[in-house]
Amino acid sequence: MGTLKPGFCALARRAGVPLLPVGIDGAFDSWPRSQILPAPAVIHIQFGEPLGPDEIAKLDDRALVAEMDRRIRDCHARAREFRMRAAGIEFRAAVPALAIARSEPETLRPASA
C-alpha cells in the first residue's frame, strides 16, 4: 500500500460523510502488471469500521491520515488472513497486535458465540 496524502481530509470534512476503510487482497494475483487480461483468482475485500463525521472533525489532518492509514492496513491484514485461510494456508499476523486487538468476524466465531 502506498502513502496516504492529506487531500482527502478536506473533502471528508466538507462532505460531512463517514470514511470507510477497505482492504483488498488477491487482486494482483488475478491481474499482475505483466498480464494483458485478468485470470481467475480469489480476491478478498474487508470493510472496516467507518470513521464518522464527528470523529473526523476532532482530528487534525495529520491525525486523520494516520488513523485512516492504520484502519486501512488493518483491513488489508484481515483480508490477507481470510484469503490465506480460504486457500488452506496457515496465516500468522505480521503485527501481533492486529491478531490480539481486533475481534474476529462472525464467519470465524465459534457457533457458541
PDB file of N, CA and C in Angstrom:
ATOM      1  N   MET A   1       0.848  -1.172   0.000  1.00  0.00           N
ATOM      2  CA  MET A   1       0.000   0.000   0.000  1.00  0.00           C
ATOM      3  C   MET A   1       0.891   1.231   0.000  1.00  0.00           C
ATOM      4  N   GLY A   2       0.518   2.204  -0.793  1.00  0.00           N
ATOM      5  CA  GLY A   2       1.257   3.451  -0.854  1.00  0.00           C
ATOM      6  C   GLY A   2       0.943   4.354   0.325  1.00  0.00           C
ATOM      7  N   THR A   3       1.526   5.536   0.306  1.00  0.00           N
ATOM      8  CA  THR A   3       1.330   6.510   1.371  1.00  0.00           C
ATOM      9  C   THR A   3       0.059   7.315   1.105  1.00  0.00           C
ATOM     10  N   LEU A   4      -0.743   7.493   2.142  1.00  0.00           N
ATOM     11  CA  LEU A   4      -1.936   8.333   2.007  1.00  0.00           C
ATOM     12  C   LEU A   4      -1.535   9.793   1.968  1.00  0.00           C
ATOM     13  N   LYS A   5      -2.201  10.561   1.148  1.00  0.00           N
ATOM     14  CA  LYS A   5      -1.976  12.006   1.053  1.00  0.00           C
ATOM     15  C   LYS A   5      -3.124  12.712   1.770  1.00  0.00           C
ATOM     16  N   PRO A   6      -2.885  13.880   2.345  1.00  0.00           N
ATOM     17  CA  PRO A   6      -3.911  14.555   3.150  1.00  0.00           C
ATOM     18  C   PRO A   6      -5.033  15.224   2.361  1.00  0.00           C
ATOM     19  N   GLY A   7      -5.030  15.119   1.042  1.00  0.00           N
ATOM     20  CA  GLY A   7      -6.064  15.770   0.247  1.00  0.00           C
ATOM     21  C   GLY A   7      -7.479  15.308   0.570  1.00  0.00           C
ATOM     22  N   PHE A   8      -7.636  14.062   0.972  1.00  0.00           N
ATOM     23  CA  PHE A   8      -8.966  13.549   1.277  1.00  0.00           C
ATOM     24  C   PHE A   8      -9.539  14.163   2.550  1.00  0.00           C
ATOM     25  N   CYS A   9      -8.695  14.709   3.416  1.00  0.00           N
ATOM     26  CA  CYS A   9      -9.159  15.264   4.694  1.00  0.00           C
ATOM     27  C   CYS A   9     -10.148  16.416   4.478  1.00  0.00           C
ATOM     28  N   ALA A  10      -9.788  17.350   3.619  1.00  0.00           N
ATOM     29  CA  ALA A  10     -10.666  18.496   3.353  1.00  0.00           C
ATOM     30  C   ALA A  10     -11.967  18.030   2.707  1.00  0.00           C
ATOM     31  N   LEU A  11     -11.878  17.083   1.789  1.00  0.00           N
ATOM     32  CA  LEU A  11     -13.084  16.562   1.141  1.00  0.00           C
ATOM     33  C   LEU A  11     -14.006  15.885   2.150  1.00  0.00           C
ATOM     34  N   ALA A  12     -13.423  15.094   3.041  1.00  0.00           N
ATOM     35  CA  ALA A  12     -14.223  14.385   4.044  1.00  0.00           C
ATOM     36  C   ALA A  12     -14.916  15.371   4.982  1.00  0.00           C
ATOM     37  N   ARG A  13     -14.188  16.396   5.401  1.00  0.00           N
ATOM     38  CA  ARG A  13     -14.793  17.393   6.305  1.00  0.00           C
ATOM     39  C   ARG A  13     -15.890  18.186   5.605  1.00  0.00           C
ATOM     40  N   ARG A  14     -15.623  18.592   4.382  1.00  0.00           N
ATOM     41  CA  ARG A  14     -16.597  19.396   3.627  1.00  0.00           C
ATOM     42  C   ARG A  14     -17.856  18.592   3.310  1.00  0.00           C
ATOM     43  N   ALA A  15     -17.702  17.321   2.985  1.00  0.00           N
ATOM     44  CA  ALA A  15     -18.847  16.486   2.606  1.00  0.00           C
ATOM     45  C   ALA A  15     -19.655  16.052   3.825  1.00  0.00           C
ATOM     46  N   GLY A  16     -19.005  15.962   4.989  1.00  0.00           N
ATOM     47  CA  GLY A  16     -19.709  15.548   6.198  1.00  0.00           C
ATOM     48  C   GLY A  16     -20.196  14.107   6.158  1.00  0.00           C
ATOM     49  N   VAL A  17     -19.437  13.260   5.494  1.00  0.00           N
ATOM     50  CA  VAL A  17     -19.811  11.846   5.374  1.00  0.00           C
ATOM     51  C   VAL A  17     -18.764  10.981   6.059  1.00  0.00           C
ATOM     52  N   PRO A  18     -19.121   9.753   6.442  1.00  0.00           N
ATOM     53  CA  PRO A  18     -18.133   8.859   7.062  1.00  0.00           C
ATOM     54  C   PRO A  18     -17.090   8.401   6.053  1.00  0.00           C
ATOM     55  N   LEU A  19     -15.906   8.086   6.554  1.00  0.00           N
ATOM     56  CA  LEU A  19     -14.861   7.470   5.745  1.00  0.00           C
ATOM     57  C   LEU A  19     -14.862   5.978   6.057  1.00  0.00           C
ATOM     58  N   LEU A  20     -14.878   5.162   5.030  1.00  0.00           N
ATOM     59  CA  LEU A  20     -14.944   3.714   5.190  1.00  0.00           C
ATOM     60  C   LEU A  20     -13.619   3.092   4.751  1.00  0.00           C
ATOM     61  N   PRO A  21     -12.847   2.557   5.697  1.00  0.00           N
ATOM     62  CA  PRO A  21     -11.593   1.908   5.309  1.00  0.00           C
ATOM     63  C   PRO A  21     -11.871   0.545   4.664  1.00  0.00           C
ATOM     64  N   VAL A  22     -11.112   0.245   3.619  1.00  0.00           N
ATOM     65  CA  VAL A  22     -11.296  -1.009   2.886  1.00  0.00           C
ATOM     66  C   VAL A  22      -9.926  -1.598   2.575  1.00  0.00           C
ATOM     67  N   GLY A  23      -9.792  -2.908   2.758  1.00  0.00           N
ATOM     68  CA  GLY A  23      -8.579  -3.614   2.381  1.00  0.00           C
ATOM     69  C   GLY A  23      -8.912  -4.663   1.337  1.00  0.00           C
ATOM     70  N   ILE A  24      -8.081  -4.757   0.309  1.00  0.00           N
ATOM     71  CA  ILE A  24      -8.282  -5.729  -0.776  1.00  0.00           C
ATOM     72  C   ILE A  24      -7.023  -6.567  -0.893  1.00  0.00           C
ATOM     73  N   ASP A  25      -7.183  -7.876  -0.926  1.00  0.00           N
ATOM     74  CA  ASP A  25      -6.034  -8.749  -1.086  1.00  0.00           C
ATOM     75  C   ASP A  25      -6.332  -9.792  -2.155  1.00  0.00           C
ATOM     76  N   GLY A  26      -5.379 -10.015  -3.041  1.00  0.00           N
ATOM     77  CA  GLY A  26      -5.514 -11.023  -4.080  1.00  0.00           C
ATOM     78  C   GLY A  26      -5.687 -10.449  -5.466  1.00  0.00           C
ATOM     79  N   ALA A  27      -5.905  -9.149  -5.577  1.00  0.00           N
ATOM     80  CA  ALA A  27      -6.129  -8.547  -6.894  1.00  0.00           C
ATOM     81  C   ALA A  27      -4.891  -8.670  -7.786  1.00  0.00           C
ATOM     82  N   PHE A  28      -3.718  -8.530  -7.214  1.00  0.00           N
ATOM     83  CA  PHE A  28      -2.500  -8.649  -8.018  1.00  0.00           C
ATOM     84  C   PHE A  28      -2.344 -10.058  -8.566  1.00  0.00           C
ATOM     85  N   ASP A  29      -2.746 -11.064  -7.771  1.00  0.00           N
ATOM     86  CA  ASP A  29      -2.674 -12.450  -8.255  1.00  0.00           C
ATOM     87  C   ASP A  29      -3.585 -12.650  -9.455  1.00  0.00           C
ATOM     88  N   SER A  30      -4.689 -11.948  -9.474  1.00  0.00           N
ATOM     89  CA  SER A  30      -5.632 -12.056 -10.576  1.00  0.00           C
ATOM     90  C   SER A  30      -5.146 -11.291 -11.812  1.00  0.00           C
ATOM     91  N   TRP A  31      -4.568 -10.112 -11.576  1.00  0.00           N
ATOM     92  CA  TRP A  31      -4.191  -9.282 -12.710  1.00  0.00           C
ATOM     93  C   TRP A  31      -2.854  -8.592 -12.466  1.00  0.00           C
ATOM     94  N   PRO A  32      -1.745  -9.343 -12.534  1.00  0.00           N
ATOM     95  CA  PRO A  32      -0.434  -8.710 -12.370  1.00  0.00           C
ATOM     96  C   PRO A  32      -0.149  -7.761 -13.528  1.00  0.00           C
ATOM     97  N   ARG A  33       0.736  -6.849 -13.293  1.00  0.00           N
ATOM     98  CA  ARG A  33       1.060  -5.836 -14.314  1.00  0.00           C
ATOM     99  C   ARG A  33       1.556  -6.452 -15.615  1.00  0.00           C
ATOM    100  N   SER A  34       2.138  -7.637 -15.533  1.00  0.00           N
ATOM    101  CA  SER A  34       2.710  -8.267 -16.726  1.00  0.00           C
ATOM    102  C   SER A  34       1.669  -8.968 -17.598  1.00  0.00           C
ATOM    103  N   GLN A  35       0.423  -9.086 -17.133  1.00  0.00           N
ATOM    104  CA  GLN A  35      -0.626  -9.765 -17.901  1.00  0.00           C
ATOM    105  C   GLN A  35      -1.517  -8.753 -18.604  1.00  0.00           C
ATOM    106  N   ILE A  36      -1.968  -9.136 -19.804  1.00  0.00           N
ATOM    107  CA  ILE A  36      -2.862  -8.264 -20.564  1.00  0.00           C
ATOM    108  C   ILE A  36      -4.277  -8.322 -19.992  1.00  0.00           C
ATOM    109  N   LEU A  37      -4.721  -9.519 -19.610  1.00  0.00           N
ATOM    110  CA  LEU A  37      -6.064  -9.699 -19.073  1.00  0.00           C
ATOM    111  C   LEU A  37      -6.012 -10.389 -17.712  1.00  0.00           C
ATOM    112  N   PRO A  38      -7.034 -10.188 -16.887  1.00  0.00           N
ATOM    113  CA  PRO A  38      -7.041 -10.854 -15.575  1.00  0.00           C
ATOM    114  C   PRO A  38      -7.301 -12.347 -15.699  1.00  0.00           C
ATOM    115  N   ALA A  39      -6.857 -13.076 -14.687  1.00  0.00           N
ATOM    116  CA  ALA A  39      -7.088 -14.516 -14.591  1.00  0.00           C
ATOM    117  C   ALA A  39      -7.924 -14.778 -13.339  1.00  0.00           C
ATOM    118  N   PRO A  40      -8.628 -15.910 -13.301  1.00  0.00           N
ATOM    119  CA  PRO A  40      -9.404 -16.224 -12.089  1.00  0.00           C
ATOM    120  C   PRO A  40      -8.495 -16.323 -10.858  1.00  0.00           C
ATOM    121  N   ALA A  41      -8.930 -15.753  -9.778  1.00  0.00           N
ATOM    122  CA  ALA A  41      -8.191 -15.807  -8.512  1.00  0.00           C
ATOM    123  C   ALA A  41      -9.140 -15.438  -7.391  1.00  0.00           C
ATOM    124  N   VAL A  42      -8.780 -15.843  -6.184  1.00  0.00           N
ATOM    125  CA  VAL A  42      -9.573 -15.477  -5.009  1.00  0.00           C
ATOM    126  C   VAL A  42      -9.140 -14.084  -4.578  1.00  0.00           C
ATOM    127  N   ILE A  43     -10.100 -13.190  -4.480  1.00  0.00           N
ATOM    128  CA  ILE A  43      -9.859 -11.824  -4.008  1.00  0.00           C
ATOM    129  C   ILE A  43     -10.743 -11.614  -2.797  1.00  0.00           C
ATOM    130  N   HIS A  44     -10.154 -11.136  -1.722  1.00  0.00           N
ATOM    131  CA  HIS A  44     -10.938 -10.882  -0.514  1.00  0.00           C
ATOM    132  C   HIS A  44     -10.960  -9.386  -0.248  1.00  0.00           C
ATOM    133  N   ILE A  45     -12.147  -8.878   0.049  1.00  0.00           N
ATOM    134  CA  ILE A  45     -12.341  -7.465   0.373  1.00  0.00           C
ATOM    135  C   ILE A  45     -12.824  -7.383   1.806  1.00  0.00           C
ATOM    136  N   GLN A  46     -12.157  -6.579   2.610  1.00  0.00           N
ATOM    137  CA  GLN A  46     -12.505  -6.420   4.025  1.00  0.00           C
ATOM    138  C   GLN A  46     -12.869  -4.972   4.300  1.00  0.00           C
ATOM    139  N   PHE A  47     -14.069  -4.753   4.798  1.00  0.00           N
ATOM    140  CA  PHE A  47     -14.518  -3.418   5.171  1.00  0.00           C
ATOM    141  C   PHE A  47     -14.299  -3.220   6.656  1.00  0.00           C
ATOM    142  N   GLY A  48     -13.796  -2.050   7.024  1.00  0.00           N
ATOM    143  CA  GLY A  48     -13.555  -1.737   8.426  1.00  0.00           C
ATOM    144  C   GLY A  48     -14.652  -0.855   8.997  1.00  0.00           C
ATOM    145  N   GLU A  49     -14.471  -0.492  10.248  1.00  0.00           N
ATOM    146  CA  GLU A  49     -15.415   0.404  10.911  1.00  0.00           C
ATOM    147  C   GLU A  49     -15.292   1.797  10.309  1.00  0.00           C
ATOM    148  N   PRO A  50     -16.405   2.421   9.943  1.00  0.00           N
ATOM    149  CA  PRO A  50     -16.325   3.766   9.381  1.00  0.00           C
ATOM    150  C   PRO A  50     -15.904   4.786  10.441  1.00  0.00           C
ATOM    151  N   LEU A  51     -15.250   5.816   9.980  1.00  0.00           N
ATOM    152  CA  LEU A  51     -14.861   6.937  10.823  1.00  0.00           C
ATOM    153  C   LEU A  51     -15.879   8.037  10.546  1.00  0.00           C
ATOM    154  N   GLY A  52     -16.730   8.328  11.525  1.00  0.00           N
ATOM    155  CA  GLY A  52     -17.834   9.256  11.341  1.00  0.00           C
ATOM    156  C   GLY A  52     -17.424  10.715  11.277  1.00  0.00           C
ATOM    157  N   PRO A  53     -18.312  11.565  10.763  1.00  0.00           N
ATOM    158  CA  PRO A  53     -18.015  12.991  10.641  1.00  0.00           C
ATOM    159  C   PRO A  53     -17.642  13.649  11.969  1.00  0.00           C
ATOM    160  N   ASP A  54     -18.264  13.222  13.066  1.00  0.00           N
ATOM    161  CA  ASP A  54     -17.923  13.808  14.366  1.00  0.00           C
ATOM    162  C   ASP A  54     -16.506  13.441  14.780  1.00  0.00           C
ATOM    163  N   GLU A  55     -16.080  12.207  14.496  1.00  0.00           N
ATOM    164  CA  GLU A  55     -14.710  11.790  14.800  1.00  0.00           C
ATOM    165  C   GLU A  55     -13.710  12.504  13.892  1.00  0.00           C
ATOM    166  N   ILE A  56     -14.087  12.663  12.619  1.00  0.00           N
ATOM    167  CA  ILE A  56     -13.226  13.347  11.655  1.00  0.00           C
ATOM    168  C   ILE A  56     -12.983  14.786  12.096  1.00  0.00           C
ATOM    169  N   ALA A  57     -14.027  15.451  12.579  1.00  0.00           N
ATOM    170  CA  ALA A  57     -13.916  16.849  13.000  1.00  0.00           C
ATOM    171  C   ALA A  57     -12.958  17.023  14.183  1.00  0.00           C
ATOM    172  N   LYS A  58     -12.816  16.010  15.012  1.00  0.00           N
ATOM    173  CA  LYS A  58     -11.950  16.090  16.194  1.00  0.00           C
ATOM    174  C   LYS A  58     -10.461  15.938  15.858  1.00  0.00           C
ATOM    175  N   LEU A  59     -10.148  15.420  14.673  1.00  0.00           N
ATOM    176  CA  LEU A  59      -8.760  15.135  14.306  1.00  0.00           C
ATOM    177  C   LEU A  59      -8.205  16.183  13.360  1.00  0.00           C
ATOM    178  N   ASP A  60      -6.928  16.541  13.540  1.00  0.00           N
ATOM    179  CA  ASP A  60      -6.290  17.402  12.545  1.00  0.00           C
ATOM    180  C   ASP A  60      -5.893  16.519  11.354  1.00  0.00           C
ATOM    181  N   ASP A  61      -5.399  17.134  10.282  1.00  0.00           N
ATOM    182  CA  ASP A  61      -5.085  16.369   9.067  1.00  0.00           C
ATOM    183  C   ASP A  61      -4.085  15.249   9.328  1.00  0.00           C
ATOM    184  N   ARG A  62      -3.041  15.528  10.088  1.00  0.00           N
ATOM    185  CA  ARG A  62      -2.010  14.516  10.343  1.00  0.00           C
ATOM    186  C   ARG A  62      -2.597  13.321  11.097  1.00  0.00           C
ATOM    187  N   ALA A  63      -3.407  13.594  12.109  1.00  0.00           N
ATOM    188  CA  ALA A  63      -4.014  12.516  12.893  1.00  0.00           C
ATOM    189  C   ALA A  63      -5.033  11.736  12.060  1.00  0.00           C
ATOM    190  N   LEU A  64      -5.789  12.429  11.208  1.00  0.00           N
ATOM    191  CA  LEU A  64      -6.779  11.762  10.363  1.00  0.00           C
ATOM    192  C   LEU A  64      -6.099  10.841   9.354  1.00  0.00           C
ATOM    193  N   VAL A  65      -5.025  11.323   8.742  1.00  0.00           N
ATOM    194  CA  VAL A  65      -4.276  10.486   7.798  1.00  0.00           C
ATOM    195  C   VAL A  65      -3.719   9.263   8.520  1.00  0.00           C
ATOM    196  N   ALA A  66      -3.151   9.470   9.708  1.00  0.00           N
ATOM    197  CA  ALA A  66      -2.582   8.350  10.465  1.00  0.00           C
ATOM    198  C   ALA A  66      -3.656   7.335  10.863  1.00  0.00           C
ATOM    199  N   GLU A  67      -4.819   7.822  11.295  1.00  0.00           N
ATOM    200  CA  GLU A  67      -5.900   6.908  11.710  1.00  0.00           C
ATOM    201  C   GLU A  67      -6.444   6.120  10.524  1.00  0.00           C
ATOM    202  N   MET A  68      -6.651   6.782   9.392  1.00  0.00           N
ATOM    203  CA  MET A  68      -7.147   6.065   8.210  1.00  0.00           C
ATOM    204  C   MET A  68      -6.098   5.076   7.701  1.00  0.00           C
ATOM    205  N   ASP A  69      -4.833   5.453   7.742  1.00  0.00           N
ATOM    206  CA  ASP A  69      -3.769   4.544   7.331  1.00  0.00           C
ATOM    207  C   ASP A  69      -3.777   3.300   8.211  1.00  0.00           C
ATOM    208  N   ARG A  70      -3.903   3.491   9.518  1.00  0.00           N
ATOM    209  CA  ARG A  70      -3.934   2.357  10.445  1.00  0.00           C
ATOM    210  C   ARG A  70      -5.122   1.453  10.162  1.00  0.00           C
ATOM    211  N   ARG A  71      -6.300   2.054   9.944  1.00  0.00           N
ATOM    212  CA  ARG A  71      -7.505   1.263   9.693  1.00  0.00           C
ATOM    213  C   ARG A  71      -7.435   0.517   8.368  1.00  0.00           C
ATOM    214  N   ILE A  72      -6.904   1.168   7.337  1.00  0.00           N
ATOM    215  CA  ILE A  72      -6.796   0.511   6.028  1.00  0.00           C
ATOM    216  C   ILE A  72      -5.802  -0.644   6.103  1.00  0.00           C
ATOM    217  N   ARG A  73      -4.679  -0.431   6.766  1.00  0.00           N
ATOM    218  CA  ARG A  73      -3.690  -1.502   6.908  1.00  0.00           C
ATOM    219  C   ARG A  73      -4.259  -2.681   7.706  1.00  0.00           C
ATOM    220  N   ASP A  74      -5.056  -2.378   8.720  1.00  0.00           N
ATOM    221  CA  ASP A  74      -5.698  -3.446   9.489  1.00  0.00           C
ATOM    222  C   ASP A  74      -6.663  -4.230   8.593  1.00  0.00           C
ATOM    223  N   CYS A  75      -7.448  -3.518   7.780  1.00  0.00           N
ATOM    224  CA  CYS A  75      -8.371  -4.190   6.850  1.00  0.00           C
ATOM    225  C   CYS A  75      -7.603  -5.065   5.863  1.00  0.00           C
ATOM    226  N   HIS A  76      -6.483  -4.546   5.357  1.00  0.00           N
ATOM    227  CA  HIS A  76      -5.698  -5.330   4.408  1.00  0.00           C
ATOM    228  C   HIS A  76      -5.143  -6.580   5.072  1.00  0.00           C
ATOM    229  N   ALA A  77      -4.666  -6.455   6.307  1.00  0.00           N
ATOM    230  CA  ALA A  77      -4.142  -7.622   7.026  1.00  0.00           C
ATOM    231  C   ALA A  77      -5.239  -8.660   7.236  1.00  0.00           C
ATOM    232  N   ARG A  78      -6.447  -8.206   7.565  1.00  0.00           N
ATOM    233  CA  ARG A  78      -7.557  -9.148   7.744  1.00  0.00           C
ATOM    234  C   ARG A  78      -7.948  -9.783   6.419  1.00  0.00           C
ATOM    235  N   ALA A  79      -7.953  -8.999   5.332  1.00  0.00           N
ATOM    236  CA  ALA A  79      -8.277  -9.545   4.017  1.00  0.00           C
ATOM    237  C   ALA A  79      -7.264 -10.618   3.627  1.00  0.00           C
ATOM    238  N   ARG A  80      -5.982 -10.350   3.878  1.00  0.00           N
ATOM    239  CA  ARG A  80      -4.951 -11.335   3.561  1.00  0.00           C
ATOM    240  C   ARG A  80      -5.131 -12.590   4.405  1.00  0.00           C
ATOM    241  N   GLU A  81      -5.436 -12.410   5.675  1.00  0.00           N
ATOM    242  CA  GLU A  81      -5.641 -13.551   6.568  1.00  0.00           C
ATOM    243  C   GLU A  81      -6.769 -14.445   6.053  1.00  0.00           C
ATOM    244  N   PHE A  82      -7.900 -13.853   5.697  1.00  0.00           N
ATOM    245  CA  PHE A  82      -9.034 -14.652   5.227  1.00  0.00           C
ATOM    246  C   PHE A  82      -8.742 -15.310   3.892  1.00  0.00           C
ATOM    247  N   ARG A  83      -8.021 -14.639   3.024  1.00  0.00           N
ATOM    248  CA  ARG A  83      -7.677 -15.237   1.738  1.00  0.00           C
ATOM    249  C   ARG A  83      -6.742 -16.424   1.936  1.00  0.00           C
ATOM    250  N   MET A  84      -5.786 -16.282   2.829  1.00  0.00           N
ATOM    251  CA  MET A  84      -4.861 -17.391   3.108  1.00  0.00           C
ATOM    252  C   MET A  84      -5.597 -18.567   3.745  1.00  0.00           C
ATOM    253  N   ARG A  85      -6.485 -18.283   4.666  1.00  0.00           N
ATOM    254  CA  ARG A  85      -7.260 -19.365   5.294  1.00  0.00           C
ATOM    255  C   ARG A  85      -8.131 -20.067   4.263  1.00  0.00           C
ATOM    256  N   ALA A  86      -8.717 -19.303   3.337  1.00  0.00           N
ATOM    257  CA  ALA A  86      -9.555 -19.906   2.296  1.00  0.00           C
ATOM    258  C   ALA A  86      -8.730 -20.817   1.400  1.00  0.00           C
ATOM    259  N   ALA A  87      -7.456 -20.486   1.239  1.00  0.00           N
ATOM    260  CA  ALA A  87      -6.566 -21.306   0.413  1.00  0.00           C
ATOM    261  C   ALA A  87      -5.951 -22.457   1.205  1.00  0.00           C
ATOM    262  N   GLY A  88      -6.262 -22.520   2.516  1.00  0.00           N
ATOM    263  CA  GLY A  88      -5.728 -23.586   3.343  1.00  0.00           C
ATOM    264  C   GLY A  88      -4.316 -23.346   3.823  1.00  0.00           C
ATOM    265  N   ILE A  89      -3.870 -22.105   3.775  1.00  0.00           N
ATOM    266  CA  ILE A  89      -2.518 -21.754   4.208  1.00  0.00           C
ATOM    267  C   ILE A  89      -2.601 -21.172   5.616  1.00  0.00           C
ATOM    268  N   GLU A  90      -1.774 -21.698   6.525  1.00  0.00           N
ATOM    269  CA  GLU A  90      -1.774 -21.161   7.887  1.00  0.00           C
ATOM    270  C   GLU A  90      -1.248 -19.733   7.844  1.00  0.00           C
ATOM    271  N   PHE A  91      -1.943 -18.860   8.516  1.00  0.00           N
ATOM    272  CA  PHE A  91      -1.593 -17.436   8.480  1.00  0.00           C
ATOM    273  C   PHE A  91      -1.181 -16.974   9.859  1.00  0.00           C
ATOM    274  N   ARG A  92      -0.100 -16.244   9.922  1.00  0.00           N
ATOM    275  CA  ARG A  92       0.329 -15.595  11.169  1.00  0.00           C
ATOM    276  C   ARG A  92       0.404 -14.108  10.887  1.00  0.00           C
ATOM    277  N   ALA A  93      -0.278 -13.322  11.712  1.00  0.00           N
ATOM    278  CA  ALA A  93      -0.296 -11.870  11.515  1.00  0.00           C
ATOM    279  C   ALA A  93       1.117 -11.331  11.622  1.00  0.00           C
ATOM    280  N   ALA A  94       1.484 -10.448  10.681  1.00  0.00           N
ATOM    281  CA  ALA A  94       2.803  -9.829  10.700  1.00  0.00           C
ATOM    282  C   ALA A  94       2.960  -8.931  11.919  1.00  0.00           C
ATOM    283  N   VAL A  95       1.862  -8.352  12.357  1.00  0.00           N
ATOM    284  CA  VAL A  95       1.862  -7.487  13.532  1.00  0.00           C
ATOM    285  C   VAL A  95       1.018  -8.180  14.592  1.00  0.00           C
ATOM    286  N   PRO A  96       1.632  -8.730  15.633  1.00  0.00           N
ATOM    287  CA  PRO A  96       0.866  -9.468  16.642  1.00  0.00           C
ATOM    288  C   PRO A  96      -0.284  -8.674  17.233  1.00  0.00           C
ATOM    289  N   ALA A  97      -0.147  -7.361  17.339  1.00  0.00           N
ATOM    290  CA  ALA A  97      -1.215  -6.543  17.918  1.00  0.00           C
ATOM    291  C   ALA A  97      -2.493  -6.651  17.089  1.00  0.00           C
ATOM    292  N   LEU A  98      -2.364  -6.832  15.775  1.00  0.00           N
ATOM    293  CA  LEU A  98      -3.549  -6.963  14.935  1.00  0.00           C
ATOM    294  C   LEU A  98      -4.339  -8.202  15.312  1.00  0.00           C
ATOM    295  N   ALA A  99      -3.627  -9.279  15.577  1.00  0.00           N
ATOM    296  CA  ALA A  99      -4.291 -10.534  15.912  1.00  0.00           C
ATOM    297  C   ALA A  99      -4.971 -10.455  17.272  1.00  0.00           C
ATOM    298  N   ILE A 100      -4.432  -9.655  18.165  1.00  0.00           N
ATOM    299  CA  ILE A 100      -4.975  -9.561  19.516  1.00  0.00           C
ATOM    300  C   ILE A 100      -6.041  -8.470  19.618  1.00  0.00           C
ATOM    301  N   ALA A 101      -5.794  -7.317  19.011  1.00  0.00           N
ATOM    302  CA  ALA A 101      -6.629  -6.145  19.224  1.00  0.00           C
ATOM    303  C   ALA A 101      -7.995  -6.215  18.556  1.00  0.00           C
ATOM    304  N   ARG A 102      -8.100  -6.917  17.448  1.00  0.00           N
ATOM    305  CA  ARG A 102      -9.372  -6.899  16.720  1.00  0.00           C
ATOM    306  C   ARG A 102     -10.221  -8.116  17.067  1.00  0.00           C
ATOM    307  N   SER A 103     -11.486  -7.945  16.906  1.00  0.00           N
ATOM    308  CA  SER A 103     -12.386  -9.072  17.136  1.00  0.00           C
ATOM    309  C   SER A 103     -12.517  -9.861  15.845  1.00  0.00           C
ATOM    310  N   GLU A 104     -12.775 -11.127  15.971  1.00  0.00           N
ATOM    311  CA  GLU A 104     -12.940 -11.977  14.800  1.00  0.00           C
ATOM    312  C   GLU A 104     -14.292 -11.704  14.152  1.00  0.00           C
ATOM    313  N   PRO A 105     -14.360 -11.651  12.836  1.00  0.00           N
ATOM    314  CA  PRO A 105     -15.643 -11.512  12.156  1.00  0.00           C
ATOM    315  C   PRO A 105     -16.547 -12.696  12.470  1.00  0.00           C
ATOM    316  N   GLU A 106     -17.828 -12.495  12.311  1.00  0.00           N
ATOM    317  CA  GLU A 106     -18.799 -13.529  12.661  1.00  0.00           C
ATOM    318  C   GLU A 106     -18.539 -14.838  11.936  1.00  0.00           C
ATOM    319  N   THR A 107     -17.992 -14.799  10.732  1.00  0.00           N
ATOM    320  CA  THR A 107     -17.774 -16.019   9.963  1.00  0.00           C
ATOM    321  C   THR A 107     -16.735 -16.922  10.611  1.00  0.00           C
ATOM    322  N   LEU A 108     -15.875 -16.373  11.475  1.00  0.00           N
ATOM    323  CA  LEU A 108     -14.868 -17.192  12.120  1.00  0.00           C
ATOM    324  C   LEU A 108     -15.136 -17.431  13.591  1.00  0.00           C
ATOM    325  N   ARG A 109     -16.201 -16.888  14.103  1.00  0.00           N
ATOM    326  CA  ARG A 109     -16.533 -17.100  15.513  1.00  0.00           C
ATOM    327  C   ARG A 109     -17.092 -18.504  15.709  1.00  0.00           C
ATOM    328  N   PRO A 110     -16.776 -19.100  16.852  1.00  0.00           N
ATOM    329  CA  PRO A 110     -17.363 -20.417  17.141  1.00  0.00           C
ATOM    330  C   PRO A 110     -18.890 -20.338  17.194  1.00  0.00           C
ATOM    331  N   ALA A 111     -19.543 -21.436  16.908  1.00  0.00           N
ATOM    332  CA  ALA A 111     -21.003 -21.461  16.876  1.00  0.00           C
ATOM    333  C   ALA A 111     -21.622 -21.060  18.193  1.00  0.00           C
ATOM    334  N   SER A 112     -20.923 -21.259  19.303  1.00  0.00           N
ATOM    335  CA  SER A 112     -21.478 -20.910  20.614  1.00  0.00           C
ATOM    336  C   SER A 112     -21.422 -19.421  20.908  1.00  0.00           C
ATOM    337  N   ALA A 113     -20.693 -18.633  20.107  1.00  0.00           N
ATOM    338  CA  ALA A 113     -20.557 -17.196  20.365  1.00  0.00           C
ATOM    339  C   ALA A 113     -21.786 -16.426  19.968  1.00  0.00           C
TER     340      ALA A 113
END
